[in-house]
Amino acid sequence: MIDGIVLVWVVTIFPACLRAQTQQDVDTEARGIFQQLVEINTTDSAGSVTKASEAMAQRLLAAGFPEKDVILAGPNERKKNLVLRYRGTGQKKPILFIGHLDVVEARREDWTTDPFQFVEKDGFFYGRGTQDMKEGDAILVESFLRLKRQGFEPDRDLILALTADEEGGDYNGIDWLVKNHRDWIDAEYCINLDGGEFEMLKGKRVLAGLQASEKVYDDFQFETTNPGGHSSVPGPENAIYELAAALLKLQAFSFPVKINEITRNYFAHAATLTTGQLSEDLRGAAKQPPSAEAIKRLSANAYYNSLLHTTCVATMLSGGHAPNALPQTARANVNCRIFPGEDPEQVRKTLEHIVNDPNVNITVVPEKTADGQLIPIVAVPPSPLLREVTNELKKTLETKWPGVPVVPTMSTGATDGKFLRIAGIPTYGISCMFFDMEDHRSHGKDERVGVQDFYDGVEFGYRFMKALATN
């Protein structure tokens, strides 16, 4: 089986090594990598990250990377991570580039197309992972292949880690590598393509986000219990109704406004890129103290609201044990994204205060690492803004999209960057391609990215990687 795969790659890729690649060659190869990744199911329930890792390893080996520098390793047969070391002169410490290969679940009946079939339609690529984040994985792999074929010699080692279980599961790849093989991925800093949104609004490229901070992920369980009984004689007490009442109280609640240096800077920059009331409100949010009226209007927008507050939302429900019986138990998972510096235990106590019902028990949902240890819920420290990274990002943007500003941001979602920041490796989320602010479909139905946006990201990612490696 492996011999057959190697033969295919040698036949299809090796001729490209004998001549300079045109831009069409690059785009065609990157598209092929993207399609291959999307069509390998890497969900936690039924997929295999290992298959995706093996497929990318074959491409890297066929391009000339030595076997000793292409590592496949993980805690079990389905969750093997890929680690590549592109050896340089050693003048500087290595740079680590990361992306996760796993994707969230997707049901065929929910989608217009098969989520695990790569479809190009009306100027978009459709499929699970096209936005989060197999497009970034493809950009990274293509950049490493392209540099290798050119005989490029970086001034430091460049490390690629494509990993498992960022979206969920028991074996987070970055956590596993930090704990078991820190030397494989130890670096001066990390570039994470699963963050740092490059924002586009109504076709206009607005800003290039540099993610230096992120909110803290935490799940809480709301649980109600009741003696139950026969459904033909319902009484006033009902576990599902009690749970529903608690969730309605949560829906109506807003956590206090929080603004830090990074988000204040983001609001100030964003204000210069918009007009009218929105521009005034963003300036108002950047003031010290912020304008209460501006905060109220911005909070009506889901994205700005998530930058201004800790947010908690019900994401999963279960209850009852028979269709003809009163429910004895009802549960909800409430997912919180906690503002950096805020105490998760205080958030739990706030939830109890909001609900104000002794029949609703609110507990932390424990998250475990691959070795069975509990993952502590801690504030993730922001990364210092390294001049080397910001300068090269600005310079590379000017070569591709002149005038687009670099804006440090705080991610509203959690990424694998948290494990590296906690481990002392500064991490910067830089997506390398633009996404439509009004069409965010990651984790949702009919996930997609623009075809040309992807090809532009392939070129940008290559230029940026090469610039960092010759700084």
Protein backbone atom coordinates (compact mmCIF):
# COMPACT_ATOMS: atom_id res chain seq x y z
CA MET A 1 0.00 0.00 0.00
CA ILE A 2 2.75 2.47 1.00
CA ASP A 3 4.85 1.51 -2.04
CA GLY A 4 1.89 2.30 -4.27
CA ILE A 5 1.41 5.67 -2.63
CA VAL A 6 5.11 6.51 -3.01
CA LEU A 7 4.99 5.54 -6.70
CA VAL A 8 2.02 7.83 -7.29
CA TRP A 9 3.77 10.78 -5.66
CA VAL A 10 7.04 10.12 -7.49
CA VAL A 11 5.26 10.00 -10.85
CA THR A 12 3.11 13.07 -10.23
CA ILE A 13 5.44 15.28 -8.18
CA PHE A 14 8.99 14.40 -9.23
CA PRO A 15 8.78 16.02 -12.70
CA ALA A 16 7.99 19.33 -11.02
CA CYS A 17 11.34 19.09 -9.24
CA LEU A 18 13.17 19.22 -12.58
CA ARG A 19 11.88 22.65 -13.60
CA ALA A 20 10.92 25.92 -12.01
CA GLN A 21 7.35 25.94 -10.77
CA THR A 22 5.00 28.45 -12.35
CA GLN A 23 2.30 30.09 -10.26
CA GLN A 24 -0.21 27.77 -11.91
CA ASP A 25 1.90 24.79 -10.82
CA VAL A 26 1.90 26.08 -7.25
CA ASP A 27 -1.84 26.71 -7.21
CA THR A 28 -2.60 23.31 -8.74
CA GLU A 29 -0.46 21.50 -6.20
CA ALA A 30 -1.85 23.51 -3.27
CA ARG A 31 -5.39 22.80 -4.43
CA GLY A 32 -4.57 19.09 -4.60
CA ILE A 33 -3.20 19.13 -1.05
CA PHE A 34 -6.27 21.02 0.15
CA GLN A 35 -8.64 18.58 -1.53
CA GLN A 36 -6.77 15.56 -0.18
CA LEU A 37 -6.94 16.88 3.38
CA VAL A 38 -10.65 17.78 3.22
CA GLU A 39 -11.55 14.36 1.82
CA ILE A 40 -9.76 12.54 4.66
CA ASN A 41 -12.21 12.39 7.55
CA THR A 42 -10.35 13.57 10.65
CA THR A 43 -13.25 13.89 13.11
CA ASP A 44 -12.75 12.51 16.61
CA SER A 45 -15.71 10.11 16.30
CA ALA A 46 -14.93 8.26 13.10
CA GLY A 47 -11.95 9.84 11.39
CA SER A 48 -8.19 9.38 11.45
CA VAL A 49 -5.67 12.17 11.86
CA THR A 50 -3.00 9.55 11.18
CA LYS A 51 -4.20 9.12 7.57
CA ALA A 52 -3.87 12.85 6.97
CA SER A 53 -0.43 12.93 8.62
CA GLU A 54 0.73 10.00 6.48
CA ALA A 55 -0.54 11.64 3.29
CA MET A 56 1.36 14.86 4.02
CA ALA A 57 4.47 12.92 5.04
CA GLN A 58 4.50 11.16 1.66
CA ARG A 59 4.42 14.50 -0.12
CA LEU A 60 7.28 15.86 1.98
CA LEU A 61 9.41 12.75 1.46
CA ALA A 62 8.79 12.86 -2.28
CA ALA A 63 10.03 16.45 -2.35
CA GLY A 64 13.37 15.38 -0.88
CA PHE A 65 13.08 15.77 2.88
CA PRO A 66 15.11 12.98 4.56
CA GLU A 67 13.21 10.30 6.44
CA LYS A 68 14.90 11.18 9.75
CA ASP A 69 13.37 14.66 9.59
CA VAL A 70 9.79 13.50 8.89
CA ILE A 71 8.31 12.10 12.10
CA LEU A 72 4.91 10.46 12.63
CA ALA A 73 4.13 9.97 16.32
CA GLY A 74 1.22 10.07 18.72
CA PRO A 75 -0.52 8.33 21.60
CA ASN A 76 -2.51 5.87 19.46
CA GLU A 77 -2.96 4.66 15.90
CA ARG A 78 -5.64 7.24 14.98
CA LYS A 79 -3.96 10.28 16.50
CA LYS A 80 -0.44 10.41 15.05
CA ASN A 81 0.98 13.90 14.60
CA LEU A 82 3.33 14.96 11.83
CA VAL A 83 6.52 16.82 12.74
CA LEU A 84 8.93 17.99 10.03
CA ARG A 85 12.29 19.68 10.55
CA TYR A 86 13.65 21.72 7.66
CA ARG A 87 17.30 22.12 8.61
CA GLY A 88 18.94 25.51 8.25
CA THR A 89 22.34 27.02 9.04
CA GLY A 90 21.61 27.22 12.76
CA GLN A 91 22.47 30.91 13.01
CA LYS A 92 19.26 31.47 14.98
CA LYS A 93 16.85 29.42 17.06
CA PRO A 94 14.14 27.53 15.17
CA ILE A 95 10.71 28.82 14.22
CA LEU A 96 7.74 26.50 14.75
CA PHE A 97 4.74 26.54 12.39
CA ILE A 98 1.59 24.74 13.56
CA GLY A 99 -1.82 23.71 12.28
CA HIS A 100 -4.35 21.13 13.44
CA LEU A 101 -5.54 18.36 11.14
CA ASP A 102 -8.70 17.41 13.02
CA VAL A 103 -12.10 18.93 12.28
CA VAL A 104 -15.41 19.20 14.12
CA GLU A 105 -18.20 16.76 13.39
CA ALA A 106 -20.36 17.26 10.28
CA ARG A 107 -23.55 15.39 9.33
CA ARG A 108 -24.37 14.83 5.67
CA GLU A 109 -28.07 15.57 6.25
CA ASP A 110 -27.23 19.05 7.51
CA TRP A 111 -25.18 20.08 4.49
CA THR A 112 -26.06 20.99 0.91
CA THR A 113 -23.03 18.98 -0.24
CA ASP A 114 -21.15 16.05 1.29
CA PRO A 115 -18.99 17.71 3.99
CA PHE A 116 -16.14 15.30 3.25
CA GLN A 117 -16.17 15.92 -0.47
CA PHE A 118 -14.13 18.86 -1.77
CA VAL A 119 -16.43 20.91 -3.98
CA GLU A 120 -15.56 23.99 -6.04
CA LYS A 121 -18.68 26.01 -6.84
CA ASP A 122 -19.43 29.66 -7.63
CA GLY A 123 -15.97 30.86 -6.65
CA PHE A 124 -15.77 28.93 -3.36
CA PHE A 125 -14.25 25.73 -2.04
CA TYR A 126 -16.75 23.81 0.13
CA GLY A 127 -16.07 21.07 2.68
CA ARG A 128 -15.52 20.47 6.38
CA GLY A 129 -12.27 22.12 7.35
CA THR A 130 -12.08 24.56 4.45
CA GLN A 131 -12.19 27.43 6.93
CA ASP A 132 -10.99 25.68 10.11
CA MET A 133 -8.30 24.86 9.27
CA LYS A 134 -7.24 22.58 6.45
CA GLU A 135 -6.72 25.62 4.25
CA GLY A 136 -3.95 26.66 6.66
CA ASP A 137 -2.49 23.15 6.69
CA ALA A 138 -2.35 23.19 2.89
CA ILE A 139 -0.67 26.61 2.90
CA LEU A 140 1.99 25.36 5.32
CA VAL A 141 2.71 22.11 3.45
CA GLU A 142 2.88 23.88 0.09
CA SER A 143 5.28 26.51 1.50
CA PHE A 144 7.65 23.85 2.85
CA LEU A 145 7.52 21.91 -0.44
CA ARG A 146 8.18 25.03 -2.48
CA LEU A 147 11.18 26.14 -0.42
CA LYS A 148 12.66 22.63 -0.48
CA ARG A 149 12.45 22.35 -4.25
CA GLN A 150 14.18 25.69 -4.62
CA GLY A 151 17.13 24.46 -2.54
CA PHE A 152 16.44 27.28 -0.09
CA GLU A 153 18.73 27.31 2.97
CA PRO A 154 17.11 29.08 5.94
CA ASP A 155 19.23 30.75 8.60
CA ARG A 156 17.55 28.55 11.23
CA ASP A 157 15.60 25.32 11.40
CA LEU A 158 11.97 25.57 10.36
CA ILE A 159 9.67 23.12 12.15
CA LEU A 160 6.22 22.07 10.97
CA ALA A 161 3.78 20.37 13.37
CA LEU A 162 0.39 19.20 12.07
CA THR A 163 -1.52 17.77 14.99
CA ALA A 164 -4.58 16.04 16.43
CA ASP A 165 -7.46 16.95 18.71
CA GLU A 166 -7.46 20.74 18.71
CA GLU A 167 -11.23 20.63 18.22
CA GLY A 168 -11.77 18.05 20.97
CA GLY A 169 -10.84 14.54 21.97
CA ASP A 170 -8.47 13.18 24.59
CA TYR A 171 -5.15 13.53 22.81
CA ASN A 172 -4.35 17.14 21.95
CA GLY A 173 -1.31 16.92 19.71
CA ILE A 174 0.50 20.07 20.81
CA ASP A 175 0.01 19.20 24.47
CA TRP A 176 1.30 15.67 23.79
CA LEU A 177 4.37 16.98 21.96
CA VAL A 178 5.20 19.55 24.66
CA LYS A 179 5.04 16.87 27.35
CA ASN A 180 6.70 13.99 25.51
CA HIS A 181 8.96 15.47 22.82
CA ARG A 182 9.58 19.11 23.65
CA ASP A 183 12.91 18.95 21.79
CA TRP A 184 11.12 18.18 18.50
CA ILE A 185 9.19 21.45 18.56
CA ASP A 186 11.20 23.75 20.83
CA ALA A 187 11.53 27.11 19.11
CA GLU A 188 12.19 30.79 19.61
CA TYR A 189 8.56 31.44 18.70
CA CYS A 190 5.63 29.88 16.88
CA ILE A 191 3.44 30.95 13.96
CA ASN A 192 -0.05 29.46 14.26
CA LEU A 193 -2.24 29.63 11.15
CA ASP A 194 -5.31 28.87 13.29
CA GLY A 195 -5.61 32.46 14.47
CA GLY A 196 -5.00 36.10 13.63
CA GLU A 197 -7.93 36.72 11.34
CA PHE A 198 -7.22 38.61 8.11
CA GLU A 199 -10.52 40.48 7.88
CA MET A 200 -12.40 41.36 4.71
CA LEU A 201 -15.68 43.30 4.63
CA LYS A 202 -17.83 43.61 1.50
CA GLY A 203 -14.90 42.61 -0.68
CA LYS A 204 -12.47 45.10 0.90
CA ARG A 205 -9.42 43.86 2.81
CA VAL A 206 -9.69 45.67 6.14
CA LEU A 207 -6.85 44.48 8.36
CA ALA A 208 -4.39 41.69 9.05
CA GLY A 209 -4.87 40.42 12.56
CA LEU A 210 -1.86 39.34 14.61
CA GLN A 211 -3.24 37.16 17.39
CA ALA A 212 -1.15 37.66 20.52
CA SER A 213 -3.80 36.77 23.11
CA GLU A 214 -6.88 34.57 23.38
CA LYS A 215 -9.85 33.93 25.62
CA VAL A 216 -9.92 30.95 27.96
CA TYR A 217 -12.15 27.98 27.06
CA ASP A 218 -14.25 26.39 29.83
CA ASP A 219 -17.35 24.18 29.84
CA PHE A 220 -19.91 24.06 32.66
CA GLN A 221 -22.69 21.53 33.17
CA PHE A 222 -26.15 22.70 34.25
CA GLU A 223 -28.07 19.78 35.77
CA THR A 224 -31.56 19.52 37.25
CA THR A 225 -33.10 16.46 38.87
CA ASN A 226 -36.65 15.51 39.83
CA PRO A 227 -38.44 12.41 41.18
CA GLY A 228 -40.33 12.15 37.89
CA GLY A 229 -43.54 10.18 37.48
CA HIS A 230 -46.21 9.29 34.93
CA SER A 231 -46.57 11.78 32.08
CA SER A 232 -50.38 11.57 32.29
CA VAL A 233 -50.34 13.43 35.62
CA PRO A 234 -47.85 16.28 35.18
CA GLY A 235 -47.15 18.43 38.18
CA PRO A 236 -45.50 21.83 38.55
CA GLU A 237 -42.03 20.33 38.93
CA ASN A 238 -40.26 19.22 35.75
CA ALA A 239 -36.50 18.84 35.30
CA ILE A 240 -36.60 20.03 31.69
CA TYR A 241 -38.70 23.09 32.50
CA GLU A 242 -36.37 24.02 35.37
CA LEU A 243 -33.37 23.71 33.08
CA ALA A 244 -35.07 25.77 30.38
CA ALA A 245 -35.82 28.53 32.89
CA ALA A 246 -32.17 28.60 33.94
CA LEU A 247 -30.99 28.86 30.34
CA LEU A 248 -33.38 31.72 29.62
CA LYS A 249 -31.87 33.62 32.54
CA LEU A 250 -28.41 32.96 31.09
CA GLN A 251 -29.53 34.19 27.67
CA ALA A 252 -30.69 37.48 29.15
CA PHE A 253 -27.45 38.08 31.07
CA SER A 254 -24.35 39.96 29.91
CA PHE A 255 -21.05 39.72 31.74
CA PRO A 256 -19.31 42.99 32.66
CA VAL A 257 -17.31 44.85 30.01
CA LYS A 258 -13.61 43.97 29.85
CA ILE A 259 -11.06 45.81 27.72
CA ASN A 260 -7.30 45.23 27.72
CA GLU A 261 -4.41 46.83 25.87
CA ILE A 262 -4.72 44.54 22.86
CA THR A 263 -8.49 44.95 22.39
CA ARG A 264 -8.29 48.71 23.01
CA ASN A 265 -5.65 48.94 20.31
CA TYR A 266 -7.83 46.82 18.00
CA PHE A 267 -10.87 49.07 18.49
CA ALA A 268 -8.77 52.19 17.83
CA HIS A 269 -7.37 50.76 14.58
CA ALA A 270 -10.71 49.37 13.44
CA ALA A 271 -12.28 52.80 13.89
CA THR A 272 -9.99 54.26 11.22
CA LEU A 273 -11.11 51.64 8.73
CA THR A 274 -14.86 52.22 9.04
CA THR A 275 -17.21 55.19 8.84
CA GLY A 276 -20.33 56.57 10.47
CA GLN A 277 -21.77 55.38 13.75
CA LEU A 278 -19.67 52.21 13.81
CA SER A 279 -16.45 54.22 13.56
CA GLU A 280 -17.59 56.52 16.37
CA ASP A 281 -18.55 53.56 18.56
CA LEU A 282 -15.20 51.86 18.04
CA ARG A 283 -13.43 55.06 19.05
CA GLY A 284 -15.72 55.25 22.06
CA ALA A 285 -14.75 51.73 23.09
CA ALA A 286 -11.05 52.62 22.87
CA LYS A 287 -11.41 55.52 25.30
CA GLN A 288 -10.50 55.29 28.97
CA PRO A 289 -13.07 54.90 30.36
CA PRO A 290 -15.06 53.60 27.37
CA SER A 291 -18.31 55.20 26.28
CA ALA A 292 -21.25 53.33 27.80
CA GLU A 293 -23.49 54.12 24.82
CA ALA A 294 -20.82 52.94 22.36
CA ILE A 295 -20.40 49.69 24.31
CA LYS A 296 -24.17 49.13 24.27
CA ARG A 297 -24.39 49.51 20.50
CA LEU A 298 -21.29 47.39 19.81
CA SER A 299 -22.54 44.65 22.13
CA ALA A 300 -25.52 44.16 19.82
CA ASN A 301 -23.05 42.80 17.26
CA ALA A 302 -22.07 39.20 18.10
CA TYR A 303 -18.42 39.63 17.11
CA TYR A 304 -17.79 42.88 18.98
CA ASN A 305 -19.78 41.55 21.93
CA SER A 306 -17.37 38.60 22.18
CA LEU A 307 -14.41 41.00 22.27
CA LEU A 308 -15.98 43.04 25.06
CA HIS A 309 -17.27 40.37 27.44
CA THR A 310 -16.83 36.92 28.81
CA THR A 311 -19.52 34.95 26.98
CA CYS A 312 -21.41 31.79 27.97
CA VAL A 313 -23.84 29.93 25.74
CA ALA A 314 -25.72 26.63 25.90
CA THR A 315 -24.35 24.26 23.26
CA MET A 316 -25.73 20.77 24.08
CA LEU A 317 -28.91 19.46 25.76
CA SER A 318 -30.06 16.11 27.10
CA GLY A 319 -32.98 15.08 29.31
CA GLY A 320 -35.64 12.55 30.13
CA HIS A 321 -35.54 8.77 30.05
CA ALA A 322 -38.83 7.72 28.39
CA PRO A 323 -41.44 9.38 26.13
CA ASN A 324 -44.25 8.61 28.60
CA ALA A 325 -42.48 9.63 31.82
CA LEU A 326 -41.79 12.94 33.51
CA PRO A 327 -38.09 13.74 33.16
CA GLN A 328 -35.99 12.88 36.18
CA THR A 329 -32.83 14.54 34.86
CA ALA A 330 -32.02 17.30 32.39
CA ARG A 331 -28.56 18.58 31.49
CA ALA A 332 -27.04 21.33 29.39
CA ASN A 333 -23.47 22.02 28.42
CA VAL A 334 -22.71 25.73 28.72
CA ASN A 335 -19.60 26.79 26.86
CA CYS A 336 -17.81 29.86 28.20
CA ARG A 337 -15.05 31.91 26.59
CA ILE A 338 -13.49 33.75 29.50
CA PHE A 339 -11.74 37.09 29.15
CA PRO A 340 -7.99 36.83 29.92
CA GLY A 341 -7.29 37.48 33.59
CA GLU A 342 -10.80 36.62 34.77
CA ASP A 343 -11.07 33.81 37.35
CA PRO A 344 -12.98 30.78 35.95
CA GLU A 345 -14.28 29.92 39.42
CA GLN A 346 -15.72 33.41 39.72
CA VAL A 347 -17.47 32.83 36.38
CA ARG A 348 -19.04 29.67 37.79
CA LYS A 349 -20.23 31.58 40.85
CA THR A 350 -21.67 34.27 38.58
CA LEU A 351 -23.61 31.60 36.70
CA GLU A 352 -25.03 30.33 40.00
CA HIS A 353 -26.04 33.89 40.90
CA ILE A 354 -27.73 34.41 37.52
CA VAL A 355 -29.73 31.19 37.74
CA ASN A 356 -30.57 31.65 41.43
CA ASP A 357 -32.11 28.21 41.71
CA PRO A 358 -30.85 25.60 44.22
CA ASN A 359 -32.31 22.84 42.03
CA VAL A 360 -29.84 23.70 39.25
CA ASN A 361 -26.40 22.28 39.98
CA ILE A 362 -23.57 24.01 38.06
CA THR A 363 -20.21 22.24 37.84
CA VAL A 364 -17.04 22.49 35.76
CA VAL A 365 -16.76 19.91 32.99
CA PRO A 366 -13.26 18.45 33.48
CA GLU A 367 -10.92 18.39 30.49
CA LYS A 368 -8.15 15.81 30.51
CA THR A 369 -4.85 15.56 28.68
CA ALA A 370 -3.57 12.50 26.84
CA ASP A 371 -1.93 11.16 30.01
CA GLY A 372 -5.20 11.42 31.95
CA GLN A 373 -4.30 14.52 33.92
CA LEU A 374 -6.79 17.34 34.38
CA ILE A 375 -6.06 20.41 32.28
CA PRO A 376 -6.00 23.37 34.66
CA ILE A 377 -8.22 26.26 33.65
CA VAL A 378 -5.78 29.15 33.76
CA ALA A 379 -5.47 32.53 32.11
CA VAL A 380 -3.22 32.21 29.07
CA PRO A 381 -0.48 34.87 29.09
CA PRO A 382 -0.32 37.12 26.02
CA SER A 383 2.74 36.90 23.79
CA PRO A 384 5.07 39.91 23.58
CA LEU A 385 4.95 41.61 20.21
CA LEU A 386 8.33 40.63 18.75
CA ARG A 387 9.65 43.25 16.35
CA GLU A 388 10.97 40.53 14.03
CA VAL A 389 7.49 39.08 13.55
CA THR A 390 5.59 42.35 13.24
CA ASN A 391 8.14 43.92 10.88
CA GLU A 392 8.25 40.94 8.52
CA LEU A 393 4.47 40.67 8.58
CA LYS A 394 4.15 44.33 7.60
CA LYS A 395 6.78 44.02 4.86
CA THR A 396 5.20 40.90 3.38
CA LEU A 397 1.75 42.49 3.42
CA GLU A 398 3.13 45.43 1.45
CA THR A 399 4.35 43.07 -1.28
CA LYS A 400 0.91 41.50 -1.63
CA TRP A 401 -1.70 43.93 -0.30
CA PRO A 402 -0.20 47.42 0.08
CA GLY A 403 -1.86 49.59 2.71
CA VAL A 404 -3.45 46.81 4.76
CA PRO A 405 -2.53 47.48 8.41
CA VAL A 406 -1.31 44.90 10.93
CA VAL A 407 -3.47 44.96 14.06
CA PRO A 408 -2.68 42.90 17.19
CA THR A 409 -5.81 41.04 18.28
CA MET A 410 -7.27 38.86 20.99
CA SER A 411 -8.89 35.71 19.67
CA THR A 412 -12.41 35.06 20.91
CA GLY A 413 -11.88 31.33 20.45
CA ALA A 414 -9.28 29.00 21.93
CA THR A 415 -6.40 27.58 19.88
CA ASP A 416 -3.44 25.27 20.42
CA GLY A 417 -1.41 28.41 20.96
CA LYS A 418 -2.43 28.28 24.62
CA PHE A 419 -0.32 25.15 25.27
CA LEU A 420 2.74 26.78 23.73
CA ARG A 421 2.26 30.12 25.51
CA ILE A 422 1.90 28.32 28.84
CA ALA A 423 5.07 26.36 27.97
CA GLY A 424 6.97 29.61 27.40
CA ILE A 425 7.01 29.64 23.57
CA PRO A 426 5.60 32.96 22.30
CA THR A 427 2.90 32.20 19.73
CA TYR A 428 1.39 34.42 17.06
CA GLY A 429 -1.79 33.63 15.18
CA ILE A 430 -1.42 34.70 11.54
CA SER A 431 -3.99 33.21 9.16
CA CYS A 432 -2.22 34.26 5.90
CA MET A 433 -5.53 34.53 4.00
CA PHE A 434 -8.56 36.79 4.16
CA PHE A 435 -11.98 35.74 5.44
CA ASP A 436 -15.29 37.52 4.95
CA MET A 437 -16.38 39.02 8.30
CA GLU A 438 -20.04 38.56 7.28
CA ASP A 439 -19.74 34.93 6.18
CA HIS A 440 -18.09 33.00 9.00
CA ARG A 441 -18.96 29.30 8.59
CA SER A 442 -16.29 27.41 10.52
CA HIS A 443 -17.89 24.63 12.62
CA GLY A 444 -21.14 25.25 10.73
CA LYS A 445 -23.16 24.17 7.71
CA ASP A 446 -21.68 24.49 4.21
CA GLU A 447 -18.27 25.65 5.43
CA ARG A 448 -16.39 27.40 2.63
CA VAL A 449 -13.58 29.74 1.58
CA GLY A 450 -13.09 31.84 -1.53
CA VAL A 451 -11.06 30.14 -4.26
CA GLN A 452 -8.94 33.20 -5.02
CA ASP A 453 -8.61 34.01 -1.33
CA PHE A 454 -7.06 30.57 -0.83
CA TYR A 455 -4.63 30.97 -3.73
CA ASP A 456 -3.65 34.43 -2.46
CA GLY A 457 -3.07 32.91 0.98
CA VAL A 458 -0.81 30.22 -0.51
CA GLU A 459 1.41 32.88 -2.04
CA PHE A 460 1.39 35.07 1.05
CA GLY A 461 2.22 32.17 3.38
CA TYR A 462 5.22 31.22 1.25
CA ARG A 463 6.55 34.79 1.12
CA PHE A 464 6.08 35.28 4.85
CA MET A 465 7.79 32.01 5.78
CA LYS A 466 10.75 32.79 3.54
CA ALA A 467 11.04 36.30 4.98
CA LEU A 468 11.12 35.01 8.56
CA ALA A 469 13.77 32.43 7.59
CA THR A 470 16.12 35.06 6.16
CA ASN A 471 15.54 37.83 8.68
